[in-house]
């Protein structure tokens, strides 16, 4: 049996667990104090990071939001446990980013930043060294995904698209900590200073749309992904959990080959 850990037990975590055979994995979930979800067979819960570390999982997936990245990921890496970060927007905090990098180096553990709901990041990494590279990332979702945000602004997107935000990746990660991890994944690939982020509530959107437009001396490129929303959370693409599962499988394969980087 392989032991794996997950921070949180929301919609994404449940999808991750269900993607693996129940008789092959012992799951250890790190939950907040007082949480009491109904857990399936093969899944146990702890409430302190020390307990998760003591379980010695082969890897841990963070699926609980940016605050969880700051609270738990450095300790896991210091303990030599490879960690997959879903809430990559947390790395907009430069001191935290530095802490995580140092912790991974000190513990000899890999930090994995999956593509999440996106594609095309390899192209962005390729043009990152070009000084003239410029990228615009647009998140376009149906109004139901932004119901609270529209109400707070006194806006309606029943008939026409409404731009809720335009700014830098760091501003986007701060303004929408639960919803714009994809924007900061773009920033990490090409450089935050090269990226502009837009958020649009669009009644004509057929799903959670991610649009990337890039220009540089290497040429121009555009990527458009229309992802079905997660059944458990309409603000999150179903592809997000699939990406985390793929990253976890890749990480486990590397460990089996002796390439995982753990002490």
C-alpha atoms as a PDB file:
ATOM      1  CA  UNK A   1       0.000   0.000   0.000  1.00  0.00           C
ATOM      2  CA  UNK A   2       1.169   3.500  -0.817  1.00  0.00           C
ATOM      3  CA  UNK A   3       0.464   6.311   1.642  1.00  0.00           C
ATOM      4  CA  UNK A   4      -0.499   9.685   0.156  1.00  0.00           C
ATOM      5  CA  UNK A   5      -1.602  12.883   1.833  1.00  0.00           C
ATOM      6  CA  UNK A   6      -4.044  15.609   0.895  1.00  0.00           C
ATOM      7  CA  UNK A   7      -4.536  18.950   2.591  1.00  0.00           C
ATOM      8  CA  UNK A   8      -8.273  19.641   2.671  1.00  0.00           C
ATOM      9  CA  UNK A   9     -11.230  17.515   1.677  1.00  0.00           C
ATOM     10  CA  UNK A  10     -13.318  19.627  -0.660  1.00  0.00           C
ATOM     11  CA  UNK A  11     -14.517  18.883  -4.179  1.00  0.00           C
ATOM     12  CA  UNK A  12     -11.011  18.676  -5.677  1.00  0.00           C
ATOM     13  CA  UNK A  13      -9.678  16.397  -2.935  1.00  0.00           C
ATOM     14  CA  UNK A  14     -12.632  14.039  -3.306  1.00  0.00           C
ATOM     15  CA  UNK A  15     -12.031  13.802  -7.054  1.00  0.00           C
ATOM     16  CA  UNK A  16      -8.348  13.049  -6.486  1.00  0.00           C
ATOM     17  CA  UNK A  17      -9.142  10.227  -4.061  1.00  0.00           C
ATOM     18  CA  UNK A  18     -11.747   8.713  -6.371  1.00  0.00           C
ATOM     19  CA  UNK A  19      -9.239   8.594  -9.252  1.00  0.00           C
ATOM     20  CA  UNK A  20      -7.128   5.942  -7.494  1.00  0.00           C
ATOM     21  CA  UNK A  21      -7.956   2.370  -6.629  1.00  0.00           C
ATOM     22  CA  UNK A  22      -9.240   2.207  -3.050  1.00  0.00           C
ATOM     23  CA  UNK A  23      -7.215  -0.941  -2.299  1.00  0.00           C
ATOM     24  CA  UNK A  24      -3.902   0.567  -3.464  1.00  0.00           C
ATOM     25  CA  UNK A  25      -3.700   3.829  -1.489  1.00  0.00           C
ATOM     26  CA  UNK A  26      -3.853   4.768   2.168  1.00  0.00           C
ATOM     27  CA  UNK A  27      -4.975   8.391   2.206  1.00  0.00           C
ATOM     28  CA  UNK A  28      -4.266  10.758   5.079  1.00  0.00           C
ATOM     29  CA  UNK A  29      -6.289  13.982   5.007  1.00  0.00           C
ATOM     30  CA  UNK A  30      -5.190  17.062   6.906  1.00  0.00           C
ATOM     31  CA  UNK A  31      -8.386  18.796   8.004  1.00  0.00           C
ATOM     32  CA  UNK A  32      -9.056  21.881  10.079  1.00  0.00           C
ATOM     33  CA  UNK A  33      -9.893  21.336  13.730  1.00  0.00           C
ATOM     34  CA  UNK A  34     -13.603  20.524  14.137  1.00  0.00           C
ATOM     35  CA  UNK A  35     -14.145  19.355  10.563  1.00  0.00           C
ATOM     36  CA  UNK A  36     -15.997  16.048  10.450  1.00  0.00           C
ATOM     37  CA  UNK A  37     -16.693  15.023   6.851  1.00  0.00           C
ATOM     38  CA  UNK A  38     -17.846  11.545   5.965  1.00  0.00           C
ATOM     39  CA  UNK A  39     -14.725   9.776   4.734  1.00  0.00           C
ATOM     40  CA  UNK A  40     -14.676   6.711   2.469  1.00  0.00           C
ATOM     41  CA  UNK A  41     -12.822   3.512   3.264  1.00  0.00           C
ATOM     42  CA  UNK A  42      -9.071   3.866   3.076  1.00  0.00           C
ATOM     43  CA  UNK A  43      -9.130   7.531   4.096  1.00  0.00           C
ATOM     44  CA  UNK A  44      -8.145   8.737   7.560  1.00  0.00           C
ATOM     45  CA  UNK A  45      -8.039  12.270   8.929  1.00  0.00           C
ATOM     46  CA  UNK A  46      -5.577  14.234  11.053  1.00  0.00           C
ATOM     47  CA  UNK A  47      -5.786  17.822  12.268  1.00  0.00           C
ATOM     48  CA  UNK A  48      -2.133  18.735  12.789  1.00  0.00           C
ATOM     49  CA  UNK A  49       0.668  18.966  10.254  1.00  0.00           C
ATOM     50  CA  UNK A  50       2.935  16.969  12.568  1.00  0.00           C
ATOM     51  CA  UNK A  51       0.527  14.031  12.332  1.00  0.00           C
ATOM     52  CA  UNK A  52       0.564  14.156   8.540  1.00  0.00           C
ATOM     53  CA  UNK A  53       4.365  14.237   8.501  1.00  0.00           C
ATOM     54  CA  UNK A  54       4.527  11.306  10.951  1.00  0.00           C
ATOM     55  CA  UNK A  55       2.432   9.247   8.503  1.00  0.00           C
ATOM     56  CA  UNK A  56       5.354   9.576   6.022  1.00  0.00           C
ATOM     57  CA  UNK A  57       3.309   9.880   2.833  1.00  0.00           C
ATOM     58  CA  UNK A  58       5.100   9.406  -0.468  1.00  0.00           C
ATOM     59  CA  UNK A  59       3.665  12.754  -1.543  1.00  0.00           C
ATOM     60  CA  UNK A  60       1.093  15.330  -0.464  1.00  0.00           C
ATOM     61  CA  UNK A  61      -1.347  17.353  -2.551  1.00  0.00           C
ATOM     62  CA  UNK A  62      -2.400  20.779  -1.285  1.00  0.00           C
ATOM     63  CA  UNK A  63      -6.055  21.322  -2.206  1.00  0.00           C
ATOM     64  CA  UNK A  64      -7.240  23.729   0.470  1.00  0.00           C
ATOM     65  CA  UNK A  65      -6.394  27.247  -0.721  1.00  0.00           C
ATOM     66  CA  UNK A  66      -3.619  29.794  -0.463  1.00  0.00           C
ATOM     67  CA  UNK A  67      -3.641  30.004   3.340  1.00  0.00           C
ATOM     68  CA  UNK A  68      -2.932  26.272   3.507  1.00  0.00           C
ATOM     69  CA  UNK A  69       0.119  26.723   1.280  1.00  0.00           C
ATOM     70  CA  UNK A  70       1.631  29.183   3.737  1.00  0.00           C
ATOM     71  CA  UNK A  71       0.624  27.198   6.821  1.00  0.00           C
ATOM     72  CA  UNK A  72       1.732  23.703   5.815  1.00  0.00           C
ATOM     73  CA  UNK A  73       3.812  23.386   2.658  1.00  0.00           C
ATOM     74  CA  UNK A  74       7.170  24.628   4.053  1.00  0.00           C
ATOM     75  CA  UNK A  75       7.001  22.101   6.913  1.00  0.00           C
ATOM     76  CA  UNK A  76       6.246  19.233   4.524  1.00  0.00           C
ATOM     77  CA  UNK A  77       9.167  20.134   2.292  1.00  0.00           C
ATOM     78  CA  UNK A  78      11.531  20.537   5.241  1.00  0.00           C
ATOM     79  CA  UNK A  79      10.501  17.008   6.240  1.00  0.00           C
ATOM     80  CA  UNK A  80      11.511  15.728   2.806  1.00  0.00           C
ATOM     81  CA  UNK A  81       7.966  15.107   1.541  1.00  0.00           C
ATOM     82  CA  UNK A  82       7.284  16.040  -2.117  1.00  0.00           C
ATOM     83  CA  UNK A  83       4.311  18.371  -2.361  1.00  0.00           C
ATOM     84  CA  UNK A  84       1.999  19.306  -5.223  1.00  0.00           C
ATOM     85  CA  UNK A  85       0.571  22.812  -4.894  1.00  0.00           C
ATOM     86  CA  UNK A  86      -2.856  23.416  -6.404  1.00  0.00           C
ATOM     87  CA  UNK A  87      -3.180  26.989  -5.097  1.00  0.00           C
ATOM     88  CA  UNK A  88      -0.224  28.366  -7.052  1.00  0.00           C
ATOM     89  CA  UNK A  89      -1.574  31.894  -6.610  1.00  0.00           C
ATOM     90  CA  UNK A  90      -0.124  31.762  -3.094  1.00  0.00           C
ATOM     91  CA  UNK A  91       3.307  32.161  -4.684  1.00  0.00           C
ATOM     92  CA  UNK A  92       2.408  35.734  -5.585  1.00  0.00           C
ATOM     93  CA  UNK A  93       3.626  36.385  -2.041  1.00  0.00           C
ATOM     94  CA  UNK A  94       7.355  36.750  -2.743  1.00  0.00           C
ATOM     95  CA  UNK A  95       8.545  35.992   0.832  1.00  0.00           C
ATOM     96  CA  UNK A  96       6.405  32.834   0.890  1.00  0.00           C
ATOM     97  CA  UNK A  97       7.743  31.796  -2.516  1.00  0.00           C
ATOM     98  CA  UNK A  98      11.273  32.191  -1.161  1.00  0.00           C
ATOM     99  CA  UNK A  99      10.406  30.176   1.987  1.00  0.00           C
ATOM    100  CA  UNK A 100       9.025  27.322  -0.083  1.00  0.00           C
ATOM    101  CA  UNK A 101      12.029  27.294  -2.401  1.00  0.00           C
ATOM    102  CA  UNK A 102      14.407  27.202   0.563  1.00  0.00           C
ATOM    103  CA  UNK A 103      12.377  24.502   2.337  1.00  0.00           C
ATOM    104  CA  UNK A 104      12.439  22.272  -0.727  1.00  0.00           C
ATOM    105  CA  UNK A 105      16.191  22.733  -1.018  1.00  0.00           C
ATOM    106  CA  UNK A 106      16.779  22.059   2.670  1.00  0.00           C
ATOM    107  CA  UNK A 107      14.555  18.977   2.763  1.00  0.00           C
ATOM    108  CA  UNK A 108      15.597  17.599  -0.603  1.00  0.00           C
ATOM    109  CA  UNK A 109      11.937  17.460  -1.657  1.00  0.00           C
ATOM    110  CA  UNK A 110      10.329  18.444  -4.940  1.00  0.00           C
ATOM    111  CA  UNK A 111       7.715  21.151  -5.239  1.00  0.00           C
ATOM    112  CA  UNK A 112       5.344  20.405  -8.128  1.00  0.00           C
ATOM    113  CA  UNK A 113       3.276  23.165  -9.747  1.00  0.00           C
ATOM    114  CA  UNK A 114       0.794  21.470 -12.097  1.00  0.00           C
ATOM    115  CA  UNK A 115      -0.717  23.128 -15.152  1.00  0.00           C
ATOM    116  CA  UNK A 116      -4.142  22.972 -13.535  1.00  0.00           C
ATOM    117  CA  UNK A 117      -6.839  24.161 -15.902  1.00  0.00           C
ATOM    118  CA  UNK A 118      -4.372  25.365 -18.538  1.00  0.00           C
ATOM    119  CA  UNK A 119      -2.390  24.292 -21.566  1.00  0.00           C
ATOM    120  CA  UNK A 120       0.345  26.048 -23.525  1.00  0.00           C
ATOM    121  CA  UNK A 121       2.639  26.705 -20.557  1.00  0.00           C
ATOM    122  CA  UNK A 122       5.564  25.071 -22.365  1.00  0.00           C
ATOM    123  CA  UNK A 123       5.281  27.772 -25.067  1.00  0.00           C
ATOM    124  CA  UNK A 124       5.256  30.511 -22.443  1.00  0.00           C
ATOM    125  CA  UNK A 125       8.328  29.077 -20.731  1.00  0.00           C
ATOM    126  CA  UNK A 126      10.083  29.048 -24.112  1.00  0.00           C
ATOM    127  CA  UNK A 127       9.529  32.787 -24.711  1.00  0.00           C
ATOM    128  CA  UNK A 128      10.137  33.841 -21.095  1.00  0.00           C
ATOM    129  CA  UNK A 129      13.718  34.941 -21.852  1.00  0.00           C
ATOM    130  CA  UNK A 130      12.621  37.319 -24.616  1.00  0.00           C
ATOM    131  CA  UNK A 131      12.483  40.897 -23.298  1.00  0.00           C
ATOM    132  CA  UNK A 132       9.622  41.899 -25.582  1.00  0.00           C
ATOM    133  CA  UNK A 133       7.317  39.008 -24.608  1.00  0.00           C
ATOM    134  CA  UNK A 134       3.842  40.141 -23.593  1.00  0.00           C
ATOM    135  CA  UNK A 135       0.956  37.889 -22.516  1.00  0.00           C
ATOM    136  CA  UNK A 136      -2.685  38.543 -21.731  1.00  0.00           C
ATOM    137  CA  UNK A 137      -4.602  35.932 -19.774  1.00  0.00           C
ATOM    138  CA  UNK A 138      -8.399  36.125 -19.682  1.00  0.00           C
ATOM    139  CA  UNK A 139     -10.629  34.107 -17.372  1.00  0.00           C
ATOM    140  CA  UNK A 140     -14.147  33.981 -18.814  1.00  0.00           C
ATOM    141  CA  UNK A 141     -16.845  32.151 -16.848  1.00  0.00           C
ATOM    142  CA  UNK A 142     -20.662  32.102 -16.725  1.00  0.00           C
ATOM    143  CA  UNK A 143     -22.219  34.616 -14.299  1.00  0.00           C
ATOM    144  CA  UNK A 144     -23.192  31.823 -11.880  1.00  0.00           C
ATOM    145  CA  UNK A 145     -19.482  31.376 -11.115  1.00  0.00           C
ATOM    146  CA  UNK A 146     -19.220  35.043 -10.086  1.00  0.00           C
ATOM    147  CA  UNK A 147     -22.615  35.462  -8.434  1.00  0.00           C
ATOM    148  CA  UNK A 148     -21.269  36.830  -5.150  1.00  0.00           C
ATOM    149  CA  UNK A 149     -18.731  39.109  -6.839  1.00  0.00           C
ATOM    150  CA  UNK A 150     -21.338  40.585  -9.193  1.00  0.00           C
ATOM    151  CA  UNK A 151     -23.744  41.160  -6.303  1.00  0.00           C
ATOM    152  CA  UNK A 152     -21.041  42.877  -4.236  1.00  0.00           C
ATOM    153  CA  UNK A 153     -20.410  45.294  -7.101  1.00  0.00           C
ATOM    154  CA  UNK A 154     -24.104  45.824  -7.805  1.00  0.00           C
ATOM    155  CA  UNK A 155     -23.677  44.457 -11.320  1.00  0.00           C
ATOM    156  CA  UNK A 156     -25.584  42.019 -13.489  1.00  0.00           C
ATOM    157  CA  UNK A 157     -24.259  39.941 -16.367  1.00  0.00           C
ATOM    158  CA  UNK A 158     -27.575  38.460 -17.429  1.00  0.00           C
ATOM    159  CA  UNK A 159     -27.420  39.929 -20.945  1.00  0.00           C
ATOM    160  CA  UNK A 160     -23.911  41.233 -21.583  1.00  0.00           C
ATOM    161  CA  UNK A 161     -20.399  40.321 -20.518  1.00  0.00           C
ATOM    162  CA  UNK A 162     -18.994  42.271 -17.552  1.00  0.00           C
ATOM    163  CA  UNK A 163     -15.288  42.785 -16.891  1.00  0.00           C
ATOM    164  CA  UNK A 164     -14.778  42.285 -13.169  1.00  0.00           C
ATOM    165  CA  UNK A 165     -11.042  42.811 -13.060  1.00  0.00           C
ATOM    166  CA  UNK A 166      -8.011  43.830 -15.100  1.00  0.00           C
ATOM    167  CA  UNK A 167      -4.548  44.073 -13.606  1.00  0.00           C
ATOM    168  CA  UNK A 168      -1.382  42.216 -12.666  1.00  0.00           C
ATOM    169  CA  UNK A 169      -1.132  38.524 -11.733  1.00  0.00           C
ATOM    170  CA  UNK A 170      -0.264  39.416  -8.131  1.00  0.00           C
ATOM    171  CA  UNK A 171      -3.305  41.693  -7.873  1.00  0.00           C
ATOM    172  CA  UNK A 172      -5.475  38.952  -9.368  1.00  0.00           C
ATOM    173  CA  UNK A 173      -4.168  36.343  -6.915  1.00  0.00           C
ATOM    174  CA  UNK A 174      -4.937  38.694  -4.026  1.00  0.00           C
ATOM    175  CA  UNK A 175      -8.372  39.760  -5.285  1.00  0.00           C
ATOM    176  CA  UNK A 176      -9.509  36.243  -6.223  1.00  0.00           C
ATOM    177  CA  UNK A 177      -7.465  33.820  -4.078  1.00  0.00           C
ATOM    178  CA  UNK A 178      -9.792  30.874  -4.735  1.00  0.00           C
ATOM    179  CA  UNK A 179     -10.371  31.392  -8.430  1.00  0.00           C
ATOM    180  CA  UNK A 180      -7.345  32.691 -10.327  1.00  0.00           C
ATOM    181  CA  UNK A 181      -4.602  30.183  -9.677  1.00  0.00           C
ATOM    182  CA  UNK A 182      -4.443  29.698 -13.452  1.00  0.00           C
ATOM    183  CA  UNK A 183      -3.464  33.343 -13.894  1.00  0.00           C
ATOM    184  CA  UNK A 184      -0.478  32.964 -11.637  1.00  0.00           C
ATOM    185  CA  UNK A 185       0.493  29.699 -13.334  1.00  0.00           C
ATOM    186  CA  UNK A 186       0.850  31.817 -16.487  1.00  0.00           C
ATOM    187  CA  UNK A 187       2.919  34.351 -14.551  1.00  0.00           C
ATOM    188  CA  UNK A 188       5.230  31.657 -13.188  1.00  0.00           C
ATOM    189  CA  UNK A 189       5.764  30.292 -16.699  1.00  0.00           C
ATOM    190  CA  UNK A 190       6.641  33.523 -18.490  1.00  0.00           C
ATOM    191  CA  UNK A 191       7.307  36.104 -15.761  1.00  0.00           C
ATOM    192  CA  UNK A 192       4.760  38.189 -13.867  1.00  0.00           C
ATOM    193  CA  UNK A 193       6.022  41.470 -15.333  1.00  0.00           C
ATOM    194  CA  UNK A 194       4.999  40.280 -18.799  1.00  0.00           C
ATOM    195  CA  UNK A 195       1.397  39.335 -17.964  1.00  0.00           C
ATOM    196  CA  UNK A 196      -1.918  41.195 -17.812  1.00  0.00           C
ATOM    197  CA  UNK A 197      -4.954  39.442 -16.313  1.00  0.00           C
ATOM    198  CA  UNK A 198      -8.645  39.966 -17.091  1.00  0.00           C
ATOM    199  CA  UNK A 199     -11.677  38.424 -15.394  1.00  0.00           C
ATOM    200  CA  UNK A 200     -14.965  38.409 -17.312  1.00  0.00           C
ATOM    201  CA  UNK A 201     -18.433  37.205 -16.345  1.00  0.00           C
ATOM    202  CA  UNK A 202     -20.046  36.255 -19.650  1.00  0.00           C
ATOM    203  CA  UNK A 203     -23.587  34.858 -20.056  1.00  0.00           C
ATOM    204  CA  UNK A 204     -22.518  33.389 -23.406  1.00  0.00           C
ATOM    205  CA  UNK A 205     -19.606  31.430 -21.934  1.00  0.00           C
ATOM    206  CA  UNK A 206     -20.084  27.729 -22.529  1.00  0.00           C
ATOM    207  CA  UNK A 207     -17.899  26.773 -19.589  1.00  0.00           C
ATOM    208  CA  UNK A 208     -14.868  27.992 -17.674  1.00  0.00           C
ATOM    209  CA  UNK A 209     -12.821  29.595 -20.455  1.00  0.00           C
ATOM    210  CA  UNK A 210      -9.103  30.331 -20.289  1.00  0.00           C
ATOM    211  CA  UNK A 211      -7.684  32.519 -23.063  1.00  0.00           C
ATOM    212  CA  UNK A 212      -3.959  33.156 -23.466  1.00  0.00           C
ATOM    213  CA  UNK A 213      -2.642  35.613 -26.060  1.00  0.00           C
ATOM    214  CA  UNK A 214       1.123  35.943 -26.452  1.00  0.00           C
ATOM    215  CA  UNK A 215       3.339  38.192 -28.555  1.00  0.00           C
ATOM    216  CA  UNK A 216       7.139  38.217 -28.789  1.00  0.00           C
ATOM    217  CA  UNK A 217      10.014  38.268 -31.234  1.00  0.00           C
ATOM    218  CA  UNK A 218       9.374  34.531 -31.646  1.00  0.00           C
ATOM    219  CA  UNK A 219       5.915  35.196 -33.068  1.00  0.00           C
ATOM    220  CA  UNK A 220       2.336  35.243 -31.828  1.00  0.00           C
ATOM    221  CA  UNK A 221       0.240  32.545 -30.239  1.00  0.00           C
ATOM    222  CA  UNK A 222      -3.206  32.132 -28.792  1.00  0.00           C
ATOM    223  CA  UNK A 223      -4.618  29.331 -26.702  1.00  0.00           C
ATOM    224  CA  UNK A 224      -8.238  28.911 -25.749  1.00  0.00           C
ATOM    225  CA  UNK A 225      -9.527  26.238 -23.413  1.00  0.00           C
ATOM    226  CA  UNK A 226     -13.185  25.842 -22.504  1.00  0.00           C
ATOM    227  CA  UNK A 227     -13.344  23.544 -19.512  1.00  0.00           C
ATOM    228  CA  UNK A 228     -16.408  21.977 -17.976  1.00  0.00           C
ATOM    229  CA  UNK A 229     -16.889  23.249 -14.423  1.00  0.00           C
ATOM    230  CA  UNK A 230     -16.293  20.937 -11.489  1.00  0.00           C
ATOM    231  CA  UNK A 231     -19.503  19.287 -10.346  1.00  0.00           C
ATOM    232  CA  UNK A 232     -18.701  20.302  -6.777  1.00  0.00           C
ATOM    233  CA  UNK A 233     -17.613  23.897  -7.467  1.00  0.00           C
ATOM    234  CA  UNK A 234     -18.673  25.878 -10.571  1.00  0.00           C
ATOM    235  CA  UNK A 235     -15.780  28.329 -10.107  1.00  0.00           C
ATOM    236  CA  UNK A 236     -13.253  25.522 -10.621  1.00  0.00           C
ATOM    237  CA  UNK A 237     -12.648  23.627 -13.845  1.00  0.00           C
ATOM    238  CA  UNK A 238     -13.055  19.860 -13.773  1.00  0.00           C
ATOM    239  CA  UNK A 239      -9.649  19.741 -15.463  1.00  0.00           C
ATOM    240  CA  UNK A 240      -7.995  21.057 -12.283  1.00  0.00           C
ATOM    241  CA  UNK A 241      -8.458  17.806 -10.383  1.00  0.00           C
ATOM    242  CA  UNK A 242      -7.437  15.793 -13.452  1.00  0.00           C
ATOM    243  CA  UNK A 243      -4.227  17.820 -13.678  1.00  0.00           C
ATOM    244  CA  UNK A 244      -3.438  17.179 -10.008  1.00  0.00           C
ATOM    245  CA  UNK A 245      -4.041  13.458 -10.463  1.00  0.00           C
ATOM    246  CA  UNK A 246      -1.710  13.395 -13.484  1.00  0.00           C
ATOM    247  CA  UNK A 247       0.976  15.303 -11.543  1.00  0.00           C
ATOM    248  CA  UNK A 248       0.644  12.883  -8.632  1.00  0.00           C
ATOM    249  CA  UNK A 249       0.922   9.833 -10.887  1.00  0.00           C
ATOM    250  CA  UNK A 250       4.009  11.313 -12.558  1.00  0.00           C
ATOM    251  CA  UNK A 251       5.580  12.039  -9.184  1.00  0.00           C
ATOM    252  CA  UNK A 252       4.954   8.492  -7.950  1.00  0.00           C
ATOM    253  CA  UNK A 253       6.437   7.054 -11.155  1.00  0.00           C
ATOM    254  CA  UNK A 254       9.571   9.151 -10.629  1.00  0.00           C
ATOM    255  CA  UNK A 255       9.879   7.903  -7.057  1.00  0.00           C
ATOM    256  CA  UNK A 256       9.633   4.309  -8.273  1.00  0.00           C
ATOM    257  CA  UNK A 257      12.479   5.057 -10.690  1.00  0.00           C
ATOM    258  CA  UNK A 258      14.562   6.547  -7.881  1.00  0.00           C
ATOM    259  CA  UNK A 259      14.209  10.085  -9.254  1.00  0.00           C
ATOM    260  CA  UNK A 260      11.860  11.628  -6.718  1.00  0.00           C
ATOM    261  CA  UNK A 261      14.455  13.708  -4.917  1.00  0.00           C
ATOM    262  CA  UNK A 262      13.437  12.698  -1.383  1.00  0.00           C
ATOM    263  CA  UNK A 263      15.983  11.996   1.309  1.00  0.00           C
END
